[in-house]
Amino acid sequence: MRLSDIMSNAGLSTYAEIALVIFLIAFLLIAVSVFAPSRRKEFEEASRMPLDDVHPQTPRQSRGDAS
């Protein structure tokens, strides 16, 4: 008996289908949260942040910095 025969009869295709459904649900949830109208103001403020001279932002230090 060959390995390909064993794997084809193992019935592992169900796991791939479940993973696809989980991925699609996660993708849809992320897409809805990103494109939600309630977050428009937040994204507009963030898009103007590099050009804002009135309220300059200080960069955050990463946790690995020793300074």
PDB file of N, CA and C in Angstrom:
ATOM      1  N   MET A   1       0.843  -1.172   0.000  1.00  0.00           N
ATOM      2  CA  MET A   1       0.000   0.000   0.000  1.00  0.00           C
ATOM      3  C   MET A   1       0.893   1.242   0.000  1.00  0.00           C
ATOM      4  N   ARG A   2       0.560   2.186  -0.870  1.00  0.00           N
ATOM      5  CA  ARG A   2       1.361   3.399  -0.999  1.00  0.00           C
ATOM      6  C   ARG A   2       0.841   4.482  -0.054  1.00  0.00           C
ATOM      7  N   LEU A   3       1.700   5.436   0.230  1.00  0.00           N
ATOM      8  CA  LEU A   3       1.332   6.529   1.124  1.00  0.00           C
ATOM      9  C   LEU A   3       0.192   7.361   0.538  1.00  0.00           C
ATOM     10  N   SER A   4       0.187   7.564  -0.768  1.00  0.00           N
ATOM     11  CA  SER A   4      -0.892   8.351  -1.388  1.00  0.00           C
ATOM     12  C   SER A   4      -2.249   7.654  -1.207  1.00  0.00           C
ATOM     13  N   ASP A   5      -2.268   6.315  -1.205  1.00  0.00           N
ATOM     14  CA  ASP A   5      -3.520   5.589  -0.958  1.00  0.00           C
ATOM     15  C   ASP A   5      -4.000   5.799   0.482  1.00  0.00           C
ATOM     16  N   ILE A   6      -3.066   5.787   1.397  1.00  0.00           N
ATOM     17  CA  ILE A   6      -3.421   5.972   2.810  1.00  0.00           C
ATOM     18  C   ILE A   6      -3.982   7.379   3.039  1.00  0.00           C
ATOM     19  N   MET A   7      -3.297   8.384   2.480  1.00  0.00           N
ATOM     20  CA  MET A   7      -3.722   9.765   2.690  1.00  0.00           C
ATOM     21  C   MET A   7      -5.046  10.060   1.999  1.00  0.00           C
ATOM     22  N   SER A   8      -5.284   9.492   0.851  1.00  0.00           N
ATOM     23  CA  SER A   8      -6.542   9.762   0.152  1.00  0.00           C
ATOM     24  C   SER A   8      -7.728   9.107   0.858  1.00  0.00           C
ATOM     25  N   ASN A   9      -7.497   8.019   1.555  1.00  0.00           N
ATOM     26  CA  ASN A   9      -8.573   7.343   2.271  1.00  0.00           C
ATOM     27  C   ASN A   9      -8.706   7.794   3.727  1.00  0.00           C
ATOM     28  N   ALA A  10      -7.860   8.713   4.158  1.00  0.00           N
ATOM     29  CA  ALA A  10      -7.889   9.143   5.556  1.00  0.00           C
ATOM     30  C   ALA A  10      -9.022  10.117   5.835  1.00  0.00           C
ATOM     31  N   GLY A  11      -9.594  10.724   4.798  1.00  0.00           N
ATOM     32  CA  GLY A  11     -10.706  11.659   5.000  1.00  0.00           C
ATOM     33  C   GLY A  11     -10.282  12.991   5.579  1.00  0.00           C
ATOM     34  N   LEU A  12      -9.142  13.492   5.158  1.00  0.00           N
ATOM     35  CA  LEU A  12      -8.637  14.746   5.703  1.00  0.00           C
ATOM     36  C   LEU A  12      -9.176  15.979   4.985  1.00  0.00           C
ATOM     37  N   SER A  13      -9.993  15.800   3.969  1.00  0.00           N
ATOM     38  CA  SER A  13     -10.504  16.959   3.236  1.00  0.00           C
ATOM     39  C   SER A  13     -11.439  17.804   4.091  1.00  0.00           C
ATOM     40  N   THR A  14     -12.031  17.210   5.106  1.00  0.00           N
ATOM     41  CA  THR A  14     -12.929  17.951   5.992  1.00  0.00           C
ATOM     42  C   THR A  14     -12.176  19.056   6.721  1.00  0.00           C
ATOM     43  N   TYR A  15     -10.928  18.787   7.110  1.00  0.00           N
ATOM     44  CA  TYR A  15     -10.140  19.796   7.806  1.00  0.00           C
ATOM     45  C   TYR A  15      -9.861  20.994   6.908  1.00  0.00           C
ATOM     46  N   ALA A  16      -9.614  20.770   5.651  1.00  0.00           N
ATOM     47  CA  ALA A  16      -9.387  21.867   4.717  1.00  0.00           C
ATOM     48  C   ALA A  16     -10.652  22.702   4.540  1.00  0.00           C
ATOM     49  N   GLU A  17     -11.788  22.064   4.487  1.00  0.00           N
ATOM     50  CA  GLU A  17     -13.045  22.795   4.348  1.00  0.00           C
ATOM     51  C   GLU A  17     -13.346  23.611   5.592  1.00  0.00           C
ATOM     52  N   ILE A  18     -13.101  23.061   6.760  1.00  0.00           N
ATOM     53  CA  ILE A  18     -13.312  23.796   8.006  1.00  0.00           C
ATOM     54  C   ILE A  18     -12.361  24.987   8.085  1.00  0.00           C
ATOM     55  N   ALA A  19     -11.110  24.793   7.703  1.00  0.00           N
ATOM     56  CA  ALA A  19     -10.138  25.885   7.720  1.00  0.00           C
ATOM     57  C   ALA A  19     -10.550  26.993   6.761  1.00  0.00           C
ATOM     58  N   LEU A  20     -11.079  26.649   5.605  1.00  0.00           N
ATOM     59  CA  LEU A  20     -11.533  27.645   4.638  1.00  0.00           C
ATOM     60  C   LEU A  20     -12.694  28.460   5.202  1.00  0.00           C
ATOM     61  N   VAL A  21     -13.637  27.809   5.853  1.00  0.00           N
ATOM     62  CA  VAL A  21     -14.773  28.515   6.439  1.00  0.00           C
ATOM     63  C   VAL A  21     -14.303  29.457   7.544  1.00  0.00           C
ATOM     64  N   ILE A  22     -13.386  28.997   8.387  1.00  0.00           N
ATOM     65  CA  ILE A  22     -12.855  29.847   9.461  1.00  0.00           C
ATOM     66  C   ILE A  22     -12.126  31.043   8.870  1.00  0.00           C
ATOM     67  N   PHE A  23     -11.341  30.832   7.824  1.00  0.00           N
ATOM     68  CA  PHE A  23     -10.627  31.932   7.180  1.00  0.00           C
ATOM     69  C   PHE A  23     -11.605  32.939   6.592  1.00  0.00           C
ATOM     70  N   LEU A  24     -12.640  32.479   5.924  1.00  0.00           N
ATOM     71  CA  LEU A  24     -13.609  33.397   5.317  1.00  0.00           C
ATOM     72  C   LEU A  24     -14.345  34.215   6.372  1.00  0.00           C
ATOM     73  N   ILE A  25     -14.704  33.593   7.475  1.00  0.00           N
ATOM     74  CA  ILE A  25     -15.371  34.318   8.552  1.00  0.00           C
ATOM     75  C   ILE A  25     -14.439  35.376   9.140  1.00  0.00           C
ATOM     76  N   ALA A  26     -13.187  35.010   9.383  1.00  0.00           N
ATOM     77  CA  ALA A  26     -12.223  35.973   9.926  1.00  0.00           C
ATOM     78  C   ALA A  26     -11.993  37.114   8.945  1.00  0.00           C
ATOM     79  N   PHE A  27     -11.864  36.810   7.666  1.00  0.00           N
ATOM     80  CA  PHE A  27     -11.656  37.838   6.651  1.00  0.00           C
ATOM     81  C   PHE A  27     -12.841  38.802   6.601  1.00  0.00           C
ATOM     82  N   LEU A  28     -14.049  38.271   6.635  1.00  0.00           N
ATOM     83  CA  LEU A  28     -15.231  39.129   6.590  1.00  0.00           C
ATOM     84  C   LEU A  28     -15.339  40.008   7.830  1.00  0.00           C
ATOM     85  N   LEU A  29     -15.030  39.478   8.995  1.00  0.00           N
ATOM     86  CA  LEU A  29     -15.069  40.279  10.219  1.00  0.00           C
ATOM     87  C   LEU A  29     -14.046  41.408  10.182  1.00  0.00           C
ATOM     88  N   ILE A  30     -12.847  41.122   9.704  1.00  0.00           N
ATOM     89  CA  ILE A  30     -11.813  42.154   9.607  1.00  0.00           C
ATOM     90  C   ILE A  30     -12.198  43.199   8.578  1.00  0.00           C
ATOM     91  N   ALA A  31     -12.716  42.777   7.427  1.00  0.00           N
ATOM     92  CA  ALA A  31     -13.106  43.725   6.382  1.00  0.00           C
ATOM     93  C   ALA A  31     -14.238  44.624   6.863  1.00  0.00           C
ATOM     94  N   VAL A  32     -15.210  44.071   7.566  1.00  0.00           N
ATOM     95  CA  VAL A  32     -16.316  44.882   8.075  1.00  0.00           C
ATOM     96  C   VAL A  32     -15.812  45.875   9.113  1.00  0.00           C
ATOM     97  N   SER A  33     -14.903  45.455   9.993  1.00  0.00           N
ATOM     98  CA  SER A  33     -14.405  46.374  11.020  1.00  0.00           C
ATOM     99  C   SER A  33     -13.541  47.475  10.422  1.00  0.00           C
ATOM    100  N   VAL A  34     -12.805  47.192   9.358  1.00  0.00           N
ATOM    101  CA  VAL A  34     -11.960  48.213   8.734  1.00  0.00           C
ATOM    102  C   VAL A  34     -12.803  49.217   7.960  1.00  0.00           C
ATOM    103  N   PHE A  35     -13.790  48.761   7.232  1.00  0.00           N
ATOM    104  CA  PHE A  35     -14.581  49.637   6.382  1.00  0.00           C
ATOM    105  C   PHE A  35     -15.861  50.142   7.048  1.00  0.00           C
ATOM    106  N   ALA A  36     -15.976  49.988   8.345  1.00  0.00           N
ATOM    107  CA  ALA A  36     -17.158  50.458   9.061  1.00  0.00           C
ATOM    108  C   ALA A  36     -17.204  51.987   9.030  1.00  0.00           C
ATOM    109  N   PRO A  37     -18.365  52.568   8.781  1.00  0.00           N
ATOM    110  CA  PRO A  37     -18.473  54.031   8.742  1.00  0.00           C
ATOM    111  C   PRO A  37     -18.107  54.694  10.071  1.00  0.00           C
ATOM    112  N   SER A  38     -18.236  53.988  11.170  1.00  0.00           N
ATOM    113  CA  SER A  38     -17.919  54.578  12.469  1.00  0.00           C
ATOM    114  C   SER A  38     -16.423  54.830  12.649  1.00  0.00           C
ATOM    115  N   ARG A  39     -15.582  54.186  11.872  1.00  0.00           N
ATOM    116  CA  ARG A  39     -14.133  54.368  11.999  1.00  0.00           C
ATOM    117  C   ARG A  39     -13.582  55.374  11.005  1.00  0.00           C
ATOM    118  N   ARG A  40     -14.430  55.988  10.197  1.00  0.00           N
ATOM    119  CA  ARG A  40     -13.979  56.924   9.163  1.00  0.00           C
ATOM    120  C   ARG A  40     -13.210  58.098   9.775  1.00  0.00           C
ATOM    121  N   LYS A  41     -13.727  58.685  10.856  1.00  0.00           N
ATOM    122  CA  LYS A  41     -13.068  59.836  11.478  1.00  0.00           C
ATOM    123  C   LYS A  41     -11.675  59.449  11.980  1.00  0.00           C
ATOM    124  N   GLU A  42     -11.568  58.290  12.582  1.00  0.00           N
ATOM    125  CA  GLU A  42     -10.275  57.823  13.098  1.00  0.00           C
ATOM    126  C   GLU A  42      -9.255  57.672  11.973  1.00  0.00           C
ATOM    127  N   PHE A  43      -9.669  57.116  10.838  1.00  0.00           N
ATOM    128  CA  PHE A  43      -8.754  56.936   9.713  1.00  0.00           C
ATOM    129  C   PHE A  43      -8.389  58.261   9.063  1.00  0.00           C
ATOM    130  N   GLU A  44      -9.340  59.206   9.017  1.00  0.00           N
ATOM    131  CA  GLU A  44      -9.030  60.514   8.450  1.00  0.00           C
ATOM    132  C   GLU A  44      -8.017  61.258   9.318  1.00  0.00           C
ATOM    133  N   GLU A  45      -8.160  61.185  10.632  1.00  0.00           N
ATOM    134  CA  GLU A  45      -7.186  61.811  11.531  1.00  0.00           C
ATOM    135  C   GLU A  45      -5.812  61.168  11.383  1.00  0.00           C
ATOM    136  N   ALA A  46      -5.768  59.859  11.264  1.00  0.00           N
ATOM    137  CA  ALA A  46      -4.495  59.157  11.110  1.00  0.00           C
ATOM    138  C   ALA A  46      -3.846  59.481   9.774  1.00  0.00           C
ATOM    139  N   SER A  47      -4.651  59.720   8.728  1.00  0.00           N
ATOM    140  CA  SER A  47      -4.067  60.024   7.427  1.00  0.00           C
ATOM    141  C   SER A  47      -3.455  61.417   7.395  1.00  0.00           C
ATOM    142  N   ARG A  48      -3.948  62.336   8.232  1.00  0.00           N
ATOM    143  CA  ARG A  48      -3.380  63.679   8.278  1.00  0.00           C
ATOM    144  C   ARG A  48      -2.250  63.811   9.285  1.00  0.00           C
ATOM    145  N   MET A  49      -1.991  62.810  10.077  1.00  0.00           N
ATOM    146  CA  MET A  49      -1.005  62.871  11.141  1.00  0.00           C
ATOM    147  C   MET A  49       0.409  63.217  10.664  1.00  0.00           C
ATOM    148  N   PRO A  50       0.910  62.688   9.551  1.00  0.00           N
ATOM    149  CA  PRO A  50       2.275  63.042   9.142  1.00  0.00           C
ATOM    150  C   PRO A  50       2.431  64.514   8.755  1.00  0.00           C
ATOM    151  N   LEU A  51       1.359  65.180   8.368  1.00  0.00           N
ATOM    152  CA  LEU A  51       1.431  66.568   7.936  1.00  0.00           C
ATOM    153  C   LEU A  51       1.002  67.547   9.016  1.00  0.00           C
ATOM    154  N   ASP A  52       0.648  67.061  10.187  1.00  0.00           N
ATOM    155  CA  ASP A  52       0.125  67.916  11.246  1.00  0.00           C
ATOM    156  C   ASP A  52       1.273  68.554  12.016  1.00  0.00           C
ATOM    157  N   ASP A  53       1.424  69.890  11.865  1.00  0.00           N
ATOM    158  CA  ASP A  53       2.471  70.611  12.587  1.00  0.00           C
ATOM    159  C   ASP A  53       1.961  71.191  13.898  1.00  0.00           C
ATOM    160  N   VAL A  54       0.658  71.285  14.060  1.00  0.00           N
ATOM    161  CA  VAL A  54       0.084  71.859  15.268  1.00  0.00           C
ATOM    162  C   VAL A  54       0.171  70.873  16.436  1.00  0.00           C
ATOM    163  N   HIS A  55      -0.118  69.625  16.165  1.00  0.00           N
ATOM    164  CA  HIS A  55      -0.085  68.584  17.198  1.00  0.00           C
ATOM    165  C   HIS A  55       0.897  67.490  16.775  1.00  0.00           C
ATOM    166  N   PRO A  56       2.202  67.727  16.899  1.00  0.00           N
ATOM    167  CA  PRO A  56       3.152  66.695  16.451  1.00  0.00           C
ATOM    168  C   PRO A  56       3.078  65.451  17.336  1.00  0.00           C
ATOM    169  N   GLN A  57       3.290  64.313  16.719  1.00  0.00           N
ATOM    170  CA  GLN A  57       3.243  63.034  17.423  1.00  0.00           C
ATOM    171  C   GLN A  57       4.658  62.576  17.722  1.00  0.00           C
ATOM    172  N   THR A  58       4.878  62.057  18.899  1.00  0.00           N
ATOM    173  CA  THR A  58       6.174  61.482  19.228  1.00  0.00           C
ATOM    174  C   THR A  58       6.095  59.985  18.964  1.00  0.00           C
ATOM    175  N   PRO A  59       7.096  59.430  18.322  1.00  0.00           N
ATOM    176  CA  PRO A  59       7.044  57.980  18.031  1.00  0.00           C
ATOM    177  C   PRO A  59       7.141  57.156  19.319  1.00  0.00           C
ATOM    178  N   ARG A  60       6.457  56.040  19.311  1.00  0.00           N
ATOM    179  CA  ARG A  60       6.506  55.139  20.451  1.00  0.00           C
ATOM    180  C   ARG A  60       7.819  54.374  20.438  1.00  0.00           C
ATOM    181  N   GLN A  61       8.358  54.117  21.604  1.00  0.00           N
ATOM    182  CA  GLN A  61       9.564  53.303  21.706  1.00  0.00           C
ATOM    183  C   GLN A  61       9.158  51.842  21.806  1.00  0.00           C
ATOM    184  N   SER A  62       9.896  51.012  21.090  1.00  0.00           N
ATOM    185  CA  SER A  62       9.594  49.583  21.201  1.00  0.00           C
ATOM    186  C   SER A  62      10.070  49.064  22.538  1.00  0.00           C
ATOM    187  N   ARG A  63       9.513  47.951  22.942  1.00  0.00           N
ATOM    188  CA  ARG A  63       9.837  47.395  24.258  1.00  0.00           C
ATOM    189  C   ARG A  63      11.271  46.868  24.354  1.00  0.00           C
ATOM    190  N   GLY A  64      11.884  46.630  23.200  1.00  0.00           N
ATOM    191  CA  GLY A  64      13.244  46.083  23.203  1.00  0.00           C
ATOM    192  C   GLY A  64      14.328  47.132  23.320  1.00  0.00           C
ATOM    193  N   ASP A  65      13.966  48.428  23.279  1.00  0.00           N
ATOM    194  CA  ASP A  65      14.977  49.484  23.394  1.00  0.00           C
ATOM    195  C   ASP A  65      15.519  49.556  24.803  1.00  0.00           C
ATOM    196  N   ALA A  66      16.827  49.709  24.910  1.00  0.00           N
ATOM    197  CA  ALA A  66      17.469  49.787  26.209  1.00  0.00           C
ATOM    198  C   ALA A  66      17.632  51.223  26.670  1.00  0.00           C
ATOM    199  N   SER A  67      17.272  52.197  25.842  1.00  0.00           N
ATOM    200  CA  SER A  67      17.470  53.596  26.217  1.00  0.00           C
ATOM    201  C   SER A  67      16.410  54.129  27.128  1.00  0.00           C
TER     202      SER A  67
END
